[in-house]
Amino acid sequence: PMLIEVFGPGCAKCQTLLKHTRHAVEQLGGEHQVVKVADYAAMAQRGILSTPALAIDGKLVFQGKVPSTAELLELLKK
């Protein structure tokens, strides 16, 4: 299973990204691990300059925007 990290302090956009990510994972069968990271130091260490951000298996794939559930599904299928 993939490790999917959602980065953000908890703002509305961050919550929306978390919801879209969980929804996409459910549609794929729900076996991937979704983790919410709200620690600013951890975000800075990963080079995240704007939130929300999303990483899949340690690779940053989105930063500063909220992709749709459909966009996330395409990413997770790869």
N, C-alpha and C. Protein backbone atom coordinates (compact mmCIF):
# COMPACT_ATOMS: atom_id res chain seq x y z
N PRO A 1 0.82 -1.21 0.00
CA PRO A 1 0.00 0.00 0.00
C PRO A 1 0.86 1.27 0.00
N MET A 2 0.32 2.31 -0.60
CA MET A 2 1.01 3.60 -0.67
C MET A 2 0.84 4.37 0.63
N LEU A 3 1.82 5.23 0.91
CA LEU A 3 1.70 6.18 2.01
C LEU A 3 1.37 7.53 1.39
N ILE A 4 0.21 8.06 1.72
CA ILE A 4 -0.24 9.34 1.18
C ILE A 4 -0.28 10.34 2.32
N GLU A 5 0.50 11.43 2.18
CA GLU A 5 0.57 12.44 3.24
C GLU A 5 -0.10 13.72 2.77
N VAL A 6 -0.99 14.23 3.61
CA VAL A 6 -1.67 15.50 3.36
C VAL A 6 -1.07 16.51 4.34
N PHE A 7 -0.46 17.56 3.79
CA PHE A 7 0.20 18.57 4.63
C PHE A 7 -0.65 19.82 4.71
N GLY A 8 -0.81 20.34 5.93
CA GLY A 8 -1.52 21.59 6.13
C GLY A 8 -1.89 21.76 7.59
N PRO A 9 -2.03 23.02 8.00
CA PRO A 9 -2.30 23.31 9.41
C PRO A 9 -3.73 23.01 9.85
N GLY A 10 -4.64 22.81 8.90
CA GLY A 10 -6.02 22.51 9.27
C GLY A 10 -7.01 23.52 8.70
N CYS A 11 -6.56 24.32 7.74
CA CYS A 11 -7.45 25.31 7.11
C CYS A 11 -8.51 24.59 6.27
N ALA A 12 -9.45 25.33 5.77
CA ALA A 12 -10.54 24.75 4.99
C ALA A 12 -10.03 24.00 3.76
N LYS A 13 -9.05 24.57 3.05
CA LYS A 13 -8.51 23.91 1.86
C LYS A 13 -7.81 22.61 2.24
N CYS A 14 -7.12 22.62 3.37
CA CYS A 14 -6.42 21.41 3.83
C CYS A 14 -7.43 20.31 4.16
N GLN A 15 -8.52 20.70 4.80
CA GLN A 15 -9.56 19.73 5.14
C GLN A 15 -10.22 19.16 3.89
N THR A 16 -10.41 20.03 2.88
CA THR A 16 -11.01 19.59 1.62
C THR A 16 -10.09 18.59 0.93
N LEU A 17 -8.78 18.88 0.91
CA LEU A 17 -7.82 17.96 0.30
C LEU A 17 -7.83 16.62 1.02
N LEU A 18 -7.87 16.66 2.34
CA LEU A 18 -7.91 15.42 3.12
C LEU A 18 -9.16 14.60 2.77
N LYS A 19 -10.30 15.29 2.66
CA LYS A 19 -11.56 14.63 2.32
C LYS A 19 -11.49 14.02 0.92
N HIS A 20 -10.99 14.78 -0.06
CA HIS A 20 -10.87 14.29 -1.44
C HIS A 20 -9.93 13.08 -1.49
N THR A 21 -8.82 13.16 -0.74
CA THR A 21 -7.84 12.08 -0.73
C THR A 21 -8.45 10.81 -0.17
N ARG A 22 -9.13 10.94 0.95
CA ARG A 22 -9.76 9.76 1.57
C ARG A 22 -10.83 9.16 0.64
N HIS A 23 -11.57 10.03 -0.03
CA HIS A 23 -12.61 9.57 -0.95
C HIS A 23 -11.98 8.80 -2.11
N ALA A 24 -10.88 9.33 -2.66
CA ALA A 24 -10.19 8.66 -3.77
C ALA A 24 -9.65 7.30 -3.32
N VAL A 25 -9.09 7.24 -2.13
CA VAL A 25 -8.55 5.98 -1.60
C VAL A 25 -9.67 4.96 -1.42
N GLU A 26 -10.82 5.42 -0.91
CA GLU A 26 -11.97 4.52 -0.75
C GLU A 26 -12.40 3.94 -2.09
N GLN A 27 -12.41 4.77 -3.13
CA GLN A 27 -12.82 4.32 -4.46
C GLN A 27 -11.85 3.28 -5.02
N LEU A 28 -10.59 3.36 -4.61
CA LEU A 28 -9.58 2.41 -5.09
C LEU A 28 -9.55 1.12 -4.27
N GLY A 29 -10.28 1.09 -3.19
CA GLY A 29 -10.30 -0.12 -2.37
C GLY A 29 -9.86 0.12 -0.94
N GLY A 30 -9.39 1.33 -0.65
CA GLY A 30 -9.12 1.72 0.72
C GLY A 30 -7.93 1.10 1.42
N GLU A 31 -6.96 0.55 0.67
CA GLU A 31 -5.86 -0.11 1.36
C GLU A 31 -4.64 0.79 1.56
N HIS A 32 -4.69 2.01 1.05
CA HIS A 32 -3.57 2.93 1.21
C HIS A 32 -3.67 3.68 2.54
N GLN A 33 -2.53 4.09 3.05
CA GLN A 33 -2.50 4.80 4.33
C GLN A 33 -2.50 6.31 4.08
N VAL A 34 -3.49 7.01 4.65
CA VAL A 34 -3.57 8.46 4.52
C VAL A 34 -3.20 9.08 5.87
N VAL A 35 -2.19 9.97 5.84
CA VAL A 35 -1.70 10.59 7.06
C VAL A 35 -1.80 12.11 6.93
N LYS A 36 -2.30 12.76 7.96
CA LYS A 36 -2.39 14.23 7.99
C LYS A 36 -1.19 14.75 8.75
N VAL A 37 -0.44 15.68 8.13
CA VAL A 37 0.74 16.28 8.76
C VAL A 37 0.48 17.77 8.96
N ALA A 38 0.40 18.20 10.22
CA ALA A 38 0.11 19.60 10.52
C ALA A 38 1.31 20.32 11.15
N ASP A 39 2.41 19.61 11.32
CA ASP A 39 3.59 20.17 11.98
C ASP A 39 4.38 21.04 10.99
N TYR A 40 4.50 22.34 11.31
CA TYR A 40 5.19 23.27 10.42
C TYR A 40 6.65 22.90 10.20
N ALA A 41 7.32 22.42 11.24
CA ALA A 41 8.73 22.03 11.12
C ALA A 41 8.88 20.88 10.13
N ALA A 42 7.97 19.91 10.21
CA ALA A 42 8.00 18.76 9.29
C ALA A 42 7.76 19.23 7.86
N MET A 43 6.84 20.19 7.69
CA MET A 43 6.55 20.71 6.35
C MET A 43 7.76 21.45 5.80
N ALA A 44 8.38 22.28 6.62
CA ALA A 44 9.55 23.04 6.19
C ALA A 44 10.69 22.10 5.80
N GLN A 45 10.85 21.05 6.58
CA GLN A 45 11.91 20.07 6.33
C GLN A 45 11.72 19.39 4.97
N ARG A 46 10.47 19.24 4.56
CA ARG A 46 10.16 18.60 3.27
C ARG A 46 10.16 19.60 2.11
N GLY A 47 10.40 20.89 2.42
CA GLY A 47 10.46 21.90 1.36
C GLY A 47 9.10 22.40 0.91
N ILE A 48 8.09 22.24 1.76
CA ILE A 48 6.74 22.69 1.41
C ILE A 48 6.61 24.17 1.75
N LEU A 49 6.33 24.98 0.72
CA LEU A 49 6.24 26.42 0.90
C LEU A 49 4.80 26.91 0.97
N SER A 50 3.87 26.15 0.39
CA SER A 50 2.47 26.55 0.48
C SER A 50 1.60 25.32 0.68
N THR A 51 0.55 25.51 1.47
CA THR A 51 -0.36 24.41 1.77
C THR A 51 -1.70 24.70 1.13
N PRO A 52 -2.52 23.70 0.91
CA PRO A 52 -2.27 22.31 1.23
C PRO A 52 -1.28 21.69 0.26
N ALA A 53 -0.67 20.61 0.70
CA ALA A 53 0.27 19.87 -0.15
C ALA A 53 0.01 18.38 0.02
N LEU A 54 0.45 17.62 -0.97
CA LEU A 54 0.20 16.18 -0.96
C LEU A 54 1.45 15.45 -1.43
N ALA A 55 1.83 14.42 -0.69
CA ALA A 55 2.96 13.58 -1.08
C ALA A 55 2.49 12.13 -1.16
N ILE A 56 2.99 11.43 -2.16
CA ILE A 56 2.70 10.00 -2.31
C ILE A 56 4.02 9.26 -2.22
N ASP A 57 4.11 8.37 -1.24
CA ASP A 57 5.34 7.61 -1.00
C ASP A 57 6.57 8.52 -0.92
N GLY A 58 6.41 9.65 -0.23
CA GLY A 58 7.52 10.55 -0.01
C GLY A 58 7.78 11.56 -1.12
N LYS A 59 7.08 11.45 -2.24
CA LYS A 59 7.29 12.37 -3.37
C LYS A 59 6.17 13.41 -3.38
N LEU A 60 6.56 14.69 -3.31
CA LEU A 60 5.61 15.78 -3.32
C LEU A 60 4.97 15.90 -4.70
N VAL A 61 3.63 15.82 -4.76
CA VAL A 61 2.95 15.85 -6.05
C VAL A 61 2.06 17.08 -6.24
N PHE A 62 1.59 17.67 -5.16
CA PHE A 62 0.79 18.89 -5.22
C PHE A 62 1.21 19.82 -4.11
N GLN A 63 1.16 21.11 -4.40
CA GLN A 63 1.47 22.11 -3.39
C GLN A 63 0.68 23.38 -3.69
N GLY A 64 -0.04 23.88 -2.69
CA GLY A 64 -0.75 25.14 -2.86
C GLY A 64 -2.05 25.08 -3.63
N LYS A 65 -2.58 23.87 -3.85
CA LYS A 65 -3.87 23.76 -4.52
C LYS A 65 -4.60 22.51 -4.06
N VAL A 66 -5.89 22.48 -4.33
CA VAL A 66 -6.70 21.33 -3.95
C VAL A 66 -7.14 20.62 -5.22
N PRO A 67 -6.53 19.47 -5.52
CA PRO A 67 -6.95 18.71 -6.69
C PRO A 67 -8.31 18.06 -6.44
N SER A 68 -9.01 17.79 -7.51
CA SER A 68 -10.31 17.12 -7.38
C SER A 68 -10.09 15.65 -7.04
N THR A 69 -11.16 14.99 -6.62
CA THR A 69 -11.09 13.56 -6.34
C THR A 69 -10.67 12.82 -7.60
N ALA A 70 -11.18 13.24 -8.77
CA ALA A 70 -10.84 12.59 -10.04
C ALA A 70 -9.34 12.71 -10.33
N GLU A 71 -8.76 13.91 -10.10
CA GLU A 71 -7.32 14.11 -10.32
C GLU A 71 -6.52 13.20 -9.39
N LEU A 72 -6.97 13.12 -8.14
CA LEU A 72 -6.27 12.26 -7.16
C LEU A 72 -6.35 10.79 -7.58
N LEU A 73 -7.50 10.38 -8.05
CA LEU A 73 -7.67 8.99 -8.51
C LEU A 73 -6.67 8.67 -9.62
N GLU A 74 -6.51 9.59 -10.57
CA GLU A 74 -5.56 9.38 -11.67
C GLU A 74 -4.15 9.22 -11.14
N LEU A 75 -3.77 10.08 -10.18
CA LEU A 75 -2.43 10.01 -9.59
C LEU A 75 -2.21 8.68 -8.86
N LEU A 76 -3.20 8.26 -8.11
CA LEU A 76 -3.06 7.06 -7.28
C LEU A 76 -3.07 5.78 -8.11
N LYS A 77 -3.65 5.83 -9.30
CA LYS A 77 -3.68 4.64 -10.17
C LYS A 77 -2.33 4.36 -10.80
N LYS A 78 -1.45 5.36 -10.86
CA LYS A 78 -0.14 5.21 -11.53
C LYS A 78 0.76 4.29 -10.74
